[in-house]
PDB file of N, CA and C in Angstrom:
ATOM      1  N   MET A   1      -7.963  -5.629 -10.369  1.00  0.00           N
ATOM      2  CA  MET A   1      -6.547  -5.890 -10.465  1.00  0.00           C
ATOM      3  C   MET A   1      -6.232  -6.108 -11.936  1.00  0.00           C
ATOM      4  N   PHE A   2      -5.094  -5.615 -12.391  1.00  0.00           N
ATOM      5  CA  PHE A   2      -4.670  -5.860 -13.758  1.00  0.00           C
ATOM      6  C   PHE A   2      -3.198  -6.206 -13.771  1.00  0.00           C
ATOM      7  N   LYS A   3      -2.808  -6.887 -14.843  1.00  0.00           N
ATOM      8  CA  LYS A   3      -1.432  -7.346 -14.942  1.00  0.00           C
ATOM      9  C   LYS A   3      -0.684  -6.419 -15.883  1.00  0.00           C
ATOM     10  N   PHE A   4       0.508  -6.027 -15.478  1.00  0.00           N
ATOM     11  CA  PHE A   4       1.319  -5.118 -16.277  1.00  0.00           C
ATOM     12  C   PHE A   4       2.754  -5.584 -16.190  1.00  0.00           C
ATOM     13  N   SER A   5       3.310  -6.003 -17.303  1.00  0.00           N
ATOM     14  CA  SER A   5       4.714  -6.430 -17.347  1.00  0.00           C
ATOM     15  C   SER A   5       5.050  -7.448 -16.257  1.00  0.00           C
ATOM     16  N   ASN A   6       4.196  -8.434 -16.101  1.00  0.00           N
ATOM     17  CA  ASN A   6       4.378  -9.504 -15.123  1.00  0.00           C
ATOM     18  C   ASN A   6       4.287  -9.047 -13.672  1.00  0.00           C
ATOM     19  N   TYR A   7       3.795  -7.847 -13.428  1.00  0.00           N
ATOM     20  CA  TYR A   7       3.573  -7.370 -12.071  1.00  0.00           C
ATOM     21  C   TYR A   7       2.085  -7.143 -11.902  1.00  0.00           C
ATOM     22  N   PHE A   8       1.579  -7.387 -10.723  1.00  0.00           N
ATOM     23  CA  PHE A   8       0.172  -7.159 -10.456  1.00  0.00           C
ATOM     24  C   PHE A   8       0.017  -5.840  -9.715  1.00  0.00           C
ATOM     25  N   PHE A   9      -0.856  -5.016 -10.225  1.00  0.00           N
ATOM     26  CA  PHE A   9      -1.151  -3.747  -9.581  1.00  0.00           C
ATOM     27  C   PHE A   9      -2.654  -3.668  -9.378  1.00  0.00           C
ATOM     28  N   PHE A  10      -3.068  -2.984  -8.354  1.00  0.00           N
ATOM     29  CA  PHE A  10      -4.472  -2.822  -8.087  1.00  0.00           C
ATOM     30  C   PHE A  10      -4.936  -1.490  -8.654  1.00  0.00           C
ATOM     31  N   LYS A  11      -6.065  -1.542  -9.338  1.00  0.00           N
ATOM     32  CA  LYS A  11      -6.619  -0.344  -9.956  1.00  0.00           C
ATOM     33  C   LYS A  11      -7.098   0.610  -8.869  1.00  0.00           C
ATOM     34  N   ARG A  12      -6.776   1.864  -9.057  1.00  0.00           N
ATOM     35  CA  ARG A  12      -7.223   2.890  -8.122  1.00  0.00           C
ATOM     36  C   ARG A  12      -8.249   3.768  -8.820  1.00  0.00           C
ATOM     37  N   ASP A  13      -9.244   4.188  -8.087  1.00  0.00           N
ATOM     38  CA  ASP A  13     -10.275   5.065  -8.618  1.00  0.00           C
ATOM     39  C   ASP A  13     -10.381   6.269  -7.698  1.00  0.00           C
ATOM     40  N   SER A  14     -10.204   7.452  -8.252  1.00  0.00           N
ATOM     41  CA  SER A  14     -10.199   8.652  -7.418  1.00  0.00           C
ATOM     42  C   SER A  14     -11.597   9.139  -7.066  1.00  0.00           C
ATOM     43  N   SER A  15     -12.624   8.585  -7.655  1.00  0.00           N
ATOM     44  CA  SER A  15     -13.985   9.030  -7.350  1.00  0.00           C
ATOM     45  C   SER A  15     -14.734   7.928  -6.611  1.00  0.00           C
ATOM     46  N   ILE A  16     -14.148   7.420  -5.576  1.00  0.00           N
ATOM     47  CA  ILE A  16     -14.668   6.277  -4.840  1.00  0.00           C
ATOM     48  C   ILE A  16     -15.778   6.705  -3.889  1.00  0.00           C
ATOM     49  N   SER A  17     -16.795   5.888  -3.822  1.00  0.00           N
ATOM     50  CA  SER A  17     -17.745   5.954  -2.721  1.00  0.00           C
ATOM     51  C   SER A  17     -18.098   4.519  -2.380  1.00  0.00           C
ATOM     52  N   SER A  18     -18.402   4.262  -1.138  1.00  0.00           N
ATOM     53  CA  SER A  18     -18.603   2.895  -0.685  1.00  0.00           C
ATOM     54  C   SER A  18     -19.959   2.745  -0.023  1.00  0.00           C
ATOM     55  N   LYS A  19     -20.798   1.873  -0.578  1.00  0.00           N
ATOM     56  CA  LYS A  19     -22.098   1.548   0.002  1.00  0.00           C
ATOM     57  C   LYS A  19     -22.881   2.804   0.361  1.00  0.00           C
ATOM     58  N   GLY A  20     -22.849   3.767  -0.536  1.00  0.00           N
ATOM     59  CA  GLY A  20     -23.608   4.979  -0.318  1.00  0.00           C
ATOM     60  C   GLY A  20     -22.914   6.016   0.537  1.00  0.00           C
ATOM     61  N   ASP A  21     -21.831   5.644   1.195  1.00  0.00           N
ATOM     62  CA  ASP A  21     -21.088   6.598   2.016  1.00  0.00           C
ATOM     63  C   ASP A  21     -20.041   7.275   1.154  1.00  0.00           C
ATOM     64  N   THR A  22     -20.125   8.576   1.044  1.00  0.00           N
ATOM     65  CA  THR A  22     -19.118   9.302   0.284  1.00  0.00           C
ATOM     66  C   THR A  22     -17.900   9.505   1.160  1.00  0.00           C
ATOM     67  N   ILE A  23     -16.761   9.195   0.611  1.00  0.00           N
ATOM     68  CA  ILE A  23     -15.521   9.399   1.350  1.00  0.00           C
ATOM     69  C   ILE A  23     -15.284  10.891   1.500  1.00  0.00           C
ATOM     70  N   ASN A  24     -14.900  11.285   2.682  1.00  0.00           N
ATOM     71  CA  ASN A  24     -14.566  12.670   2.970  1.00  0.00           C
ATOM     72  C   ASN A  24     -13.440  13.111   2.033  1.00  0.00           C
ATOM     73  N   SER A  25     -13.700  14.077   1.171  1.00  0.00           N
ATOM     74  CA  SER A  25     -12.720  14.518   0.176  1.00  0.00           C
ATOM     75  C   SER A  25     -11.377  14.920   0.774  1.00  0.00           C
ATOM     76  N   PRO A  26     -11.350  15.701   1.851  1.00  0.00           N
ATOM     77  CA  PRO A  26     -10.044  16.037   2.425  1.00  0.00           C
ATOM     78  C   PRO A  26      -9.275  14.795   2.886  1.00  0.00           C
ATOM     79  N   LYS A  27      -9.964  13.809   3.440  1.00  0.00           N
ATOM     80  CA  LYS A  27      -9.287  12.592   3.896  1.00  0.00           C
ATOM     81  C   LYS A  27      -8.808  11.775   2.704  1.00  0.00           C
ATOM     82  N   LEU A  28      -9.594  11.709   1.642  1.00  0.00           N
ATOM     83  CA  LEU A  28      -9.161  11.029   0.418  1.00  0.00           C
ATOM     84  C   LEU A  28      -7.929  11.731  -0.141  1.00  0.00           C
ATOM     85  N   ALA A  29      -7.954  13.051  -0.146  1.00  0.00           N
ATOM     86  CA  ALA A  29      -6.795  13.819  -0.623  1.00  0.00           C
ATOM     87  C   ALA A  29      -5.573  13.546   0.254  1.00  0.00           C
ATOM     88  N   LEU A  30      -5.778  13.420   1.561  1.00  0.00           N
ATOM     89  CA  LEU A  30      -4.675  13.110   2.474  1.00  0.00           C
ATOM     90  C   LEU A  30      -4.063  11.752   2.137  1.00  0.00           C
ATOM     91  N   VAL A  31      -4.908  10.743   1.928  1.00  0.00           N
ATOM     92  CA  VAL A  31      -4.409   9.400   1.613  1.00  0.00           C
ATOM     93  C   VAL A  31      -3.632   9.423   0.301  1.00  0.00           C
ATOM     94  N   LYS A  32      -4.148  10.117  -0.687  1.00  0.00           N
ATOM     95  CA  LYS A  32      -3.430  10.214  -1.965  1.00  0.00           C
ATOM     96  C   LYS A  32      -2.086  10.915  -1.782  1.00  0.00           C
ATOM     97  N   GLN A  33      -2.057  11.935  -0.937  1.00  0.00           N
ATOM     98  CA  GLN A  33      -0.794  12.627  -0.658  1.00  0.00           C
ATOM     99  C   GLN A  33       0.176  11.706   0.075  1.00  0.00           C
ATOM    100  N   MET A  34      -0.335  10.902   0.985  1.00  0.00           N
ATOM    101  CA  MET A  34       0.509   9.939   1.697  1.00  0.00           C
ATOM    102  C   MET A  34       1.134   8.953   0.703  1.00  0.00           C
ATOM    103  N   ILE A  35       0.329   8.485  -0.244  1.00  0.00           N
ATOM    104  CA  ILE A  35       0.814   7.536  -1.256  1.00  0.00           C
ATOM    105  C   ILE A  35       1.900   8.182  -2.111  1.00  0.00           C
ATOM    106  N   LYS A  36       1.755   9.466  -2.375  1.00  0.00           N
ATOM    107  CA  LYS A  36       2.730  10.188  -3.204  1.00  0.00           C
ATOM    108  C   LYS A  36       3.959  10.647  -2.415  1.00  0.00           C
ATOM    109  N   SER A  37       3.943  10.493  -1.107  1.00  0.00           N
ATOM    110  CA  SER A  37       4.981  11.081  -0.254  1.00  0.00           C
ATOM    111  C   SER A  37       6.363  10.465  -0.430  1.00  0.00           C
ATOM    112  N   ASP A  38       6.432   9.276  -1.004  1.00  0.00           N
ATOM    113  CA  ASP A  38       7.722   8.614  -1.183  1.00  0.00           C
ATOM    114  C   ASP A  38       7.580   7.600  -2.312  1.00  0.00           C
ATOM    115  N   LYS A  39       8.697   7.146  -2.828  1.00  0.00           N
ATOM    116  CA  LYS A  39       8.656   6.141  -3.896  1.00  0.00           C
ATOM    117  C   LYS A  39       8.116   4.816  -3.384  1.00  0.00           C
ATOM    118  N   ILE A  40       8.390   4.503  -2.119  1.00  0.00           N
ATOM    119  CA  ILE A  40       7.874   3.289  -1.492  1.00  0.00           C
ATOM    120  C   ILE A  40       7.127   3.699  -0.233  1.00  0.00           C
ATOM    121  N   VAL A  41       5.851   3.314  -0.151  1.00  0.00           N
ATOM    122  CA  VAL A  41       5.015   3.661   0.994  1.00  0.00           C
ATOM    123  C   VAL A  41       4.348   2.385   1.500  1.00  0.00           C
ATOM    124  N   ILE A  42       4.448   2.163   2.796  1.00  0.00           N
ATOM    125  CA  ILE A  42       3.839   0.996   3.424  1.00  0.00           C
ATOM    126  C   ILE A  42       2.863   1.471   4.494  1.00  0.00           C
ATOM    127  N   PHE A  43       1.610   1.032   4.382  1.00  0.00           N
ATOM    128  CA  PHE A  43       0.607   1.276   5.414  1.00  0.00           C
ATOM    129  C   PHE A  43       0.565   0.017   6.269  1.00  0.00           C
ATOM    130  N   SER A  44       0.723   0.172   7.574  1.00  0.00           N
ATOM    131  CA  SER A  44       0.863  -0.988   8.448  1.00  0.00           C
ATOM    132  C   SER A  44       0.124  -0.769   9.758  1.00  0.00           C
ATOM    133  N   LYS A  45       0.211  -1.787  10.611  1.00  0.00           N
ATOM    134  CA  LYS A  45      -0.226  -1.688  12.003  1.00  0.00           C
ATOM    135  C   LYS A  45       0.891  -2.262  12.860  1.00  0.00           C
ATOM    136  N   SER A  46       1.051  -1.715  14.047  1.00  0.00           N
ATOM    137  CA  SER A  46       2.197  -2.057  14.896  1.00  0.00           C
ATOM    138  C   SER A  46       2.229  -3.526  15.309  1.00  0.00           C
ATOM    139  N   TYR A  47       1.091  -4.154  15.441  1.00  0.00           N
ATOM    140  CA  TYR A  47       1.013  -5.531  15.922  1.00  0.00           C
ATOM    141  C   TYR A  47       0.921  -6.567  14.800  1.00  0.00           C
ATOM    142  N   CYS A  48       0.956  -6.126  13.556  1.00  0.00           N
ATOM    143  CA  CYS A  48       0.707  -7.004  12.406  1.00  0.00           C
ATOM    144  C   CYS A  48       1.984  -7.735  11.978  1.00  0.00           C
ATOM    145  N   ILE A  49       1.975  -9.052  12.085  1.00  0.00           N
ATOM    146  CA  ILE A  49       3.141  -9.846  11.710  1.00  0.00           C
ATOM    147  C   ILE A  49       3.406  -9.758  10.208  1.00  0.00           C
ATOM    148  N   TYR A  50       2.352  -9.665   9.399  1.00  0.00           N
ATOM    149  CA  TYR A  50       2.533  -9.560   7.947  1.00  0.00           C
ATOM    150  C   TYR A  50       3.173  -8.228   7.569  1.00  0.00           C
ATOM    151  N   CYS A  51       2.860  -7.194   8.324  1.00  0.00           N
ATOM    152  CA  CYS A  51       3.495  -5.893   8.102  1.00  0.00           C
ATOM    153  C   CYS A  51       4.986  -5.981   8.399  1.00  0.00           C
ATOM    154  N   LYS A  52       5.317  -6.645   9.494  1.00  0.00           N
ATOM    155  CA  LYS A  52       6.726  -6.824   9.844  1.00  0.00           C
ATOM    156  C   LYS A  52       7.440  -7.608   8.745  1.00  0.00           C
ATOM    157  N   MET A  53       6.801  -8.655   8.240  1.00  0.00           N
ATOM    158  CA  MET A  53       7.406  -9.480   7.192  1.00  0.00           C
ATOM    159  C   MET A  53       7.655  -8.683   5.916  1.00  0.00           C
ATOM    160  N   VAL A  54       6.688  -7.851   5.532  1.00  0.00           N
ATOM    161  CA  VAL A  54       6.857  -7.093   4.289  1.00  0.00           C
ATOM    162  C   VAL A  54       7.959  -6.052   4.450  1.00  0.00           C
ATOM    163  N   LYS A  55       8.065  -5.448   5.622  1.00  0.00           N
ATOM    164  CA  LYS A  55       9.151  -4.488   5.859  1.00  0.00           C
ATOM    165  C   LYS A  55      10.507  -5.186   5.808  1.00  0.00           C
ATOM    166  N   GLU A  56      10.572  -6.415   6.299  1.00  0.00           N
ATOM    167  CA  GLU A  56      11.816  -7.184   6.220  1.00  0.00           C
ATOM    168  C   GLU A  56      12.222  -7.446   4.769  1.00  0.00           C
ATOM    169  N   LEU A  57      11.237  -7.686   3.897  1.00  0.00           N
ATOM    170  CA  LEU A  57      11.544  -7.885   2.473  1.00  0.00           C
ATOM    171  C   LEU A  57      12.194  -6.639   1.884  1.00  0.00           C
ATOM    172  N   PHE A  58      11.631  -5.481   2.196  1.00  0.00           N
ATOM    173  CA  PHE A  58      12.188  -4.235   1.670  1.00  0.00           C
ATOM    174  C   PHE A  58      13.543  -3.934   2.304  1.00  0.00           C
ATOM    175  N   ASP A  59      13.706  -4.288   3.569  1.00  0.00           N
ATOM    176  CA  ASP A  59      15.009  -4.117   4.222  1.00  0.00           C
ATOM    177  C   ASP A  59      16.067  -4.990   3.550  1.00  0.00           C
ATOM    178  N   LYS A  60      15.699  -6.216   3.184  1.00  0.00           N
ATOM    179  CA  LYS A  60      16.634  -7.109   2.488  1.00  0.00           C
ATOM    180  C   LYS A  60      17.046  -6.545   1.133  1.00  0.00           C
ATOM    181  N   CYS A  61      16.178  -5.736   0.544  1.00  0.00           N
ATOM    182  CA  CYS A  61      16.483  -5.089  -0.743  1.00  0.00           C
ATOM    183  C   CYS A  61      17.204  -3.760  -0.542  1.00  0.00           C
ATOM    184  N   ASP A  62      17.539  -3.427   0.700  1.00  0.00           N
ATOM    185  CA  ASP A  62      18.164  -2.146   1.037  1.00  0.00           C
ATOM    186  C   ASP A  62      17.343  -0.964   0.535  1.00  0.00           C
ATOM    187  N   ALA A  63      16.032  -1.098   0.614  1.00  0.00           N
ATOM    188  CA  ALA A  63      15.128  -0.057   0.128  1.00  0.00           C
ATOM    189  C   ALA A  63      14.675   0.823   1.285  1.00  0.00           C
ATOM    190  N   GLN A  64      14.679   2.120   1.058  1.00  0.00           N
ATOM    191  CA  GLN A  64      14.141   3.060   2.035  1.00  0.00           C
ATOM    192  C   GLN A  64      12.673   3.276   1.713  1.00  0.00           C
ATOM    193  N   TYR A  65      11.855   3.338   2.738  1.00  0.00           N
ATOM    194  CA  TYR A  65      10.421   3.496   2.537  1.00  0.00           C
ATOM    195  C   TYR A  65       9.847   4.385   3.629  1.00  0.00           C
ATOM    196  N   THR A  66       8.670   4.898   3.340  1.00  0.00           N
ATOM    197  CA  THR A  66       7.904   5.634   4.339  1.00  0.00           C
ATOM    198  C   THR A  66       6.825   4.702   4.853  1.00  0.00           C
ATOM    199  N   GLU A  67       6.704   4.628   6.157  1.00  0.00           N
ATOM    200  CA  GLU A  67       5.701   3.763   6.778  1.00  0.00           C
ATOM    201  C   GLU A  67       4.689   4.616   7.530  1.00  0.00           C
ATOM    202  N   TYR A  68       3.418   4.307   7.325  1.00  0.00           N
ATOM    203  CA  TYR A  68       2.340   4.932   8.087  1.00  0.00           C
ATOM    204  C   TYR A  68       1.717   3.843   8.958  1.00  0.00           C
ATOM    205  N   VAL A  69       1.862   3.975  10.264  1.00  0.00           N
ATOM    206  CA  VAL A  69       1.358   2.985  11.215  1.00  0.00           C
ATOM    207  C   VAL A  69      -0.059   3.404  11.603  1.00  0.00           C
ATOM    208  N   LEU A  70      -1.036   2.714  11.046  1.00  0.00           N
ATOM    209  CA  LEU A  70      -2.424   3.162  11.149  1.00  0.00           C
ATOM    210  C   LEU A  70      -2.986   3.087  12.562  1.00  0.00           C
ATOM    211  N   ASP A  71      -2.568   2.122  13.372  1.00  0.00           N
ATOM    212  CA  ASP A  71      -3.126   2.030  14.723  1.00  0.00           C
ATOM    213  C   ASP A  71      -2.534   3.064  15.679  1.00  0.00           C
ATOM    214  N   SER A  72      -1.594   3.857  15.195  1.00  0.00           N
ATOM    215  CA  SER A  72      -1.050   4.936  16.026  1.00  0.00           C
ATOM    216  C   SER A  72      -1.646   6.292  15.635  1.00  0.00           C
ATOM    217  N   ARG A  73      -2.627   6.262  14.748  1.00  0.00           N
ATOM    218  CA  ARG A  73      -3.256   7.497  14.269  1.00  0.00           C
ATOM    219  C   ARG A  73      -4.734   7.495  14.638  1.00  0.00           C
ATOM    220  N   GLU A  74      -5.250   8.659  14.998  1.00  0.00           N
ATOM    221  CA  GLU A  74      -6.684   8.765  15.284  1.00  0.00           C
ATOM    222  C   GLU A  74      -7.527   8.477  14.051  1.00  0.00           C
ATOM    223  N   ASP A  75      -7.006   8.811  12.877  1.00  0.00           N
ATOM    224  CA  ASP A  75      -7.751   8.607  11.634  1.00  0.00           C
ATOM    225  C   ASP A  75      -7.356   7.305  10.927  1.00  0.00           C
ATOM    226  N   GLY A  76      -6.684   6.409  11.645  1.00  0.00           N
ATOM    227  CA  GLY A  76      -6.189   5.176  11.048  1.00  0.00           C
ATOM    228  C   GLY A  76      -7.269   4.298  10.443  1.00  0.00           C
ATOM    229  N   GLU A  77      -8.391   4.131  11.148  1.00  0.00           N
ATOM    230  CA  GLU A  77      -9.479   3.305  10.615  1.00  0.00           C
ATOM    231  C   GLU A  77     -10.046   3.906   9.335  1.00  0.00           C
ATOM    232  N   GLU A  78     -10.202   5.209   9.323  1.00  0.00           N
ATOM    233  CA  GLU A  78     -10.731   5.881   8.134  1.00  0.00           C
ATOM    234  C   GLU A  78      -9.756   5.754   6.963  1.00  0.00           C
ATOM    235  N   ILE A  79      -8.478   5.904   7.230  1.00  0.00           N
ATOM    236  CA  ILE A  79      -7.464   5.742   6.183  1.00  0.00           C
ATOM    237  C   ILE A  79      -7.494   4.318   5.645  1.00  0.00           C
ATOM    238  N   GLN A  80      -7.628   3.337   6.534  1.00  0.00           N
ATOM    239  CA  GLN A  80      -7.667   1.946   6.092  1.00  0.00           C
ATOM    240  C   GLN A  80      -8.894   1.681   5.225  1.00  0.00           C
ATOM    241  N   LYS A  81     -10.017   2.269   5.564  1.00  0.00           N
ATOM    242  CA  LYS A  81     -11.228   2.116   4.752  1.00  0.00           C
ATOM    243  C   LYS A  81     -11.016   2.726   3.369  1.00  0.00           C
ATOM    244  N   ILE A  82     -10.416   3.896   3.321  1.00  0.00           N
ATOM    245  CA  ILE A  82     -10.146   4.544   2.037  1.00  0.00           C
ATOM    246  C   ILE A  82      -9.185   3.699   1.214  1.00  0.00           C
ATOM    247  N   LEU A  83      -8.153   3.157   1.844  1.00  0.00           N
ATOM    248  CA  LEU A  83      -7.227   2.273   1.129  1.00  0.00           C
ATOM    249  C   LEU A  83      -7.963   1.067   0.569  1.00  0.00           C
ATOM    250  N   GLY A  84      -8.907   0.529   1.335  1.00  0.00           N
ATOM    251  CA  GLY A  84      -9.716  -0.586   0.850  1.00  0.00           C
ATOM    252  C   GLY A  84     -10.519  -0.202  -0.373  1.00  0.00           C
ATOM    253  N   ASP A  85     -11.100   0.981  -0.341  1.00  0.00           N
ATOM    254  CA  ASP A  85     -11.862   1.456  -1.498  1.00  0.00           C
ATOM    255  C   ASP A  85     -10.961   1.696  -2.702  1.00  0.00           C
ATOM    256  N   LEU A  86      -9.777   2.217  -2.473  1.00  0.00           N
ATOM    257  CA  LEU A  86      -8.859   2.520  -3.576  1.00  0.00           C
ATOM    258  C   LEU A  86      -8.246   1.267  -4.193  1.00  0.00           C
ATOM    259  N   THR A  87      -7.970   0.263  -3.362  1.00  0.00           N
ATOM    260  CA  THR A  87      -7.204  -0.893  -3.839  1.00  0.00           C
ATOM    261  C   THR A  87      -8.014  -2.179  -3.947  1.00  0.00           C
ATOM    262  N   GLY A  88      -9.181  -2.212  -3.339  1.00  0.00           N
ATOM    263  CA  GLY A  88      -9.975  -3.434  -3.350  1.00  0.00           C
ATOM    264  C   GLY A  88      -9.638  -4.377  -2.205  1.00  0.00           C
ATOM    265  N   ALA A  89      -8.711  -3.992  -1.348  1.00  0.00           N
ATOM    266  CA  ALA A  89      -8.343  -4.812  -0.190  1.00  0.00           C
ATOM    267  C   ALA A  89      -8.133  -3.896   1.008  1.00  0.00           C
ATOM    268  N   SER A  90      -8.789  -4.217   2.106  1.00  0.00           N
ATOM    269  CA  SER A  90      -8.712  -3.329   3.270  1.00  0.00           C
ATOM    270  C   SER A  90      -7.781  -3.854   4.357  1.00  0.00           C
ATOM    271  N   THR A  91      -7.004  -4.878   4.042  1.00  0.00           N
ATOM    272  CA  THR A  91      -6.069  -5.414   5.025  1.00  0.00           C
ATOM    273  C   THR A  91      -4.738  -4.684   4.943  1.00  0.00           C
ATOM    274  N   VAL A  92      -3.944  -4.833   5.997  1.00  0.00           N
ATOM    275  CA  VAL A  92      -2.582  -4.316   5.980  1.00  0.00           C
ATOM    276  C   VAL A  92      -1.636  -5.500   6.001  1.00  0.00           C
ATOM    277  N   PRO A  93      -0.464  -5.335   5.459  1.00  0.00           N
ATOM    278  CA  PRO A  93       0.061  -4.105   4.885  1.00  0.00           C
ATOM    279  C   PRO A  93      -0.541  -3.817   3.511  1.00  0.00           C
ATOM    280  N   ARG A  94      -0.521  -2.553   3.150  1.00  0.00           N
ATOM    281  CA  ARG A  94      -0.798  -2.086   1.776  1.00  0.00           C
ATOM    282  C   ARG A  94       0.482  -1.414   1.342  1.00  0.00           C
ATOM    283  N   VAL A  95       1.056  -1.889   0.264  1.00  0.00           N
ATOM    284  CA  VAL A  95       2.361  -1.421  -0.202  1.00  0.00           C
ATOM    285  C   VAL A  95       2.206  -0.722  -1.544  1.00  0.00           C
ATOM    286  N   PHE A  96       2.787   0.471  -1.639  1.00  0.00           N
ATOM    287  CA  PHE A  96       2.767   1.248  -2.875  1.00  0.00           C
ATOM    288  C   PHE A  96       4.197   1.519  -3.319  1.00  0.00           C
ATOM    289  N   VAL A  97       4.448   1.311  -4.597  1.00  0.00           N
ATOM    290  CA  VAL A  97       5.730   1.656  -5.204  1.00  0.00           C
ATOM    291  C   VAL A  97       5.419   2.549  -6.394  1.00  0.00           C
ATOM    292  N   ASN A  98       5.990   3.735  -6.397  1.00  0.00           N
ATOM    293  CA  ASN A  98       5.709   4.726  -7.442  1.00  0.00           C
ATOM    294  C   ASN A  98       4.207   4.932  -7.631  1.00  0.00           C
ATOM    295  N   GLU A  99       3.497   5.035  -6.514  1.00  0.00           N
ATOM    296  CA  GLU A  99       2.062   5.302  -6.460  1.00  0.00           C
ATOM    297  C   GLU A  99       1.204   4.150  -6.965  1.00  0.00           C
ATOM    298  N   LYS A 100       1.785   3.006  -7.234  1.00  0.00           N
ATOM    299  CA  LYS A 100       1.044   1.818  -7.667  1.00  0.00           C
ATOM    300  C   LYS A 100       0.979   0.850  -6.496  1.00  0.00           C
ATOM    301  N   CYS A 101      -0.200   0.313  -6.261  1.00  0.00           N
ATOM    302  CA  CYS A 101      -0.352  -0.632  -5.161  1.00  0.00           C
ATOM    303  C   CYS A 101       0.140  -2.012  -5.589  1.00  0.00           C
ATOM    304  N   LEU A 102       1.153  -2.505  -4.891  1.00  0.00           N
ATOM    305  CA  LEU A 102       1.639  -3.863  -5.147  1.00  0.00           C
ATOM    306  C   LEU A 102       0.764  -4.891  -4.453  1.00  0.00           C
ATOM    307  N   GLY A 103       0.051  -4.491  -3.435  1.00  0.00           N
ATOM    308  CA  GLY A 103      -0.775  -5.405  -2.665  1.00  0.00           C
ATOM    309  C   GLY A 103      -0.285  -5.486  -1.244  1.00  0.00           C
ATOM    310  N   GLY A 104      -0.273  -6.711  -0.723  1.00  0.00           N
ATOM    311  CA  GLY A 104       0.145  -6.934   0.650  1.00  0.00           C
ATOM    312  C   GLY A 104       1.365  -7.822   0.727  1.00  0.00           C
ATOM    313  N   ARG A 105       1.481  -8.541   1.834  1.00  0.00           N
ATOM    314  CA  ARG A 105       2.653  -9.371   2.068  1.00  0.00           C
ATOM    315  C   ARG A 105       2.789 -10.477   1.038  1.00  0.00           C
ATOM    316  N   ALA A 106       1.708 -11.151   0.698  1.00  0.00           N
ATOM    317  CA  ALA A 106       1.786 -12.278  -0.241  1.00  0.00           C
ATOM    318  C   ALA A 106       2.295 -11.835  -1.605  1.00  0.00           C
ATOM    319  N   GLU A 107       1.766 -10.726  -2.105  1.00  0.00           N
ATOM    320  CA  GLU A 107       2.185 -10.235  -3.421  1.00  0.00           C
ATOM    321  C   GLU A 107       3.647  -9.789  -3.396  1.00  0.00           C
ATOM    322  N   CYS A 108       4.030  -9.098  -2.333  1.00  0.00           N
ATOM    323  CA  CYS A 108       5.423  -8.639  -2.221  1.00  0.00           C
ATOM    324  C   CYS A 108       6.377  -9.813  -2.061  1.00  0.00           C
ATOM    325  N   LYS A 109       5.968 -10.829  -1.308  1.00  0.00           N
ATOM    326  CA  LYS A 109       6.810 -12.019  -1.128  1.00  0.00           C
ATOM    327  C   LYS A 109       7.005 -12.738  -2.460  1.00  0.00           C
ATOM    328  N   HIS A 110       5.945 -12.840  -3.242  1.00  0.00           N
ATOM    329  CA  HIS A 110       6.049 -13.462  -4.569  1.00  0.00           C
ATOM    330  C   HIS A 110       7.032 -12.683  -5.447  1.00  0.00           C
ATOM    331  N   LEU A 111       6.908 -11.364  -5.449  1.00  0.00           N
ATOM    332  CA  LEU A 111       7.824 -10.534  -6.234  1.00  0.00           C
ATOM    333  C   LEU A 111       9.256 -10.679  -5.732  1.00  0.00           C
ATOM    334  N   TYR A 112       9.430 -10.736  -4.423  1.00  0.00           N
ATOM    335  CA  TYR A 112      10.770 -10.889  -3.850  1.00  0.00           C
ATOM    336  C   TYR A 112      11.366 -12.243  -4.247  1.00  0.00           C
ATOM    337  N   ASP A 113      10.595 -13.305  -4.075  1.00  0.00           N
ATOM    338  CA  ASP A 113      11.086 -14.654  -4.378  1.00  0.00           C
ATOM    339  C   ASP A 113      11.456 -14.817  -5.845  1.00  0.00           C
ATOM    340  N   SER A 114      10.753 -14.108  -6.721  1.00  0.00           N
ATOM    341  CA  SER A 114      11.019 -14.208  -8.158  1.00  0.00           C
ATOM    342  C   SER A 114      12.141 -13.271  -8.609  1.00  0.00           C
ATOM    343  N   GLY A 115      12.633 -12.418  -7.701  1.00  0.00           N
ATOM    344  CA  GLY A 115      13.674 -11.457  -8.050  1.00  0.00           C
ATOM    345  C   GLY A 115      13.140 -10.183  -8.673  1.00  0.00           C
ATOM    346  N   LYS A 116      11.834 -10.089  -8.804  1.00  0.00           N
ATOM    347  CA  LYS A 116      11.231  -8.930  -9.470  1.00  0.00           C
ATOM    348  C   LYS A 116      11.080  -7.721  -8.552  1.00  0.00           C
ATOM    349  N   LEU A 117      11.010  -7.950  -7.250  1.00  0.00           N
ATOM    350  CA  LEU A 117      10.845  -6.815  -6.338  1.00  0.00           C
ATOM    351  C   LEU A 117      12.047  -5.890  -6.421  1.00  0.00           C
ATOM    352  N   LYS A 118      13.229  -6.446  -6.361  1.00  0.00           N
ATOM    353  CA  LYS A 118      14.438  -5.617  -6.412  1.00  0.00           C
ATOM    354  C   LYS A 118      14.494  -4.829  -7.724  1.00  0.00           C
ATOM    355  N   LYS A 119      14.084  -5.451  -8.833  1.00  0.00           N
ATOM    356  CA  LYS A 119      14.063  -4.759 -10.128  1.00  0.00           C
ATOM    357  C   LYS A 119      13.061  -3.616 -10.120  1.00  0.00           C
ATOM    358  N   LEU A 120      11.931  -3.830  -9.460  1.00  0.00           N
ATOM    359  CA  LEU A 120      10.918  -2.772  -9.358  1.00  0.00           C
ATOM    360  C   LEU A 120      11.429  -1.570  -8.584  1.00  0.00           C
ATOM    361  N   LEU A 121      12.367  -1.803  -7.691  1.00  0.00           N
ATOM    362  CA  LEU A 121      12.846  -0.748  -6.803  1.00  0.00           C
ATOM    363  C   LEU A 121      13.990   0.055  -7.388  1.00  0.00           C
ATOM    364  N   ILE A 122      14.411  -0.278  -8.595  1.00  0.00           N
ATOM    365  CA  ILE A 122      15.449   0.501  -9.265  1.00  0.00           C
ATOM    366  C   ILE A 122      14.762   1.693  -9.903  1.00  0.00           C
ATOM    367  N   PHE A 123      15.082   2.875  -9.408  1.00  0.00           N
ATOM    368  CA  PHE A 123      14.386   4.081  -9.870  1.00  0.00           C
ATOM    369  C   PHE A 123      15.261   4.838 -10.818  1.00  0.00           C
TER     370      PHE A 123
END
């Protein structure tokens, strides 16, 4: 994780492998494409209260986002593992703004409470 202009972003590495397991390149490419698919991308699970909370924060900012609900996908577990490798955290939600990982609910809530989330969303 590194700090940039008072915002925390998680470092991404495109040549990730985890514990000797090489990530399937097409699936890694898919995840990267998903991250690039919109200015705001949220990876979530349907039953996750923290995912609901983070979406409410973005709704309060009148922000449109793309959501990928991992438990509704056959490849959801694999995508979540890749997100963990890319961001250093394998929990949901995983929130990306302009292809940068903001983190999860706690990080987004901190940005929202400080007024910085809305500023980040001005494109």
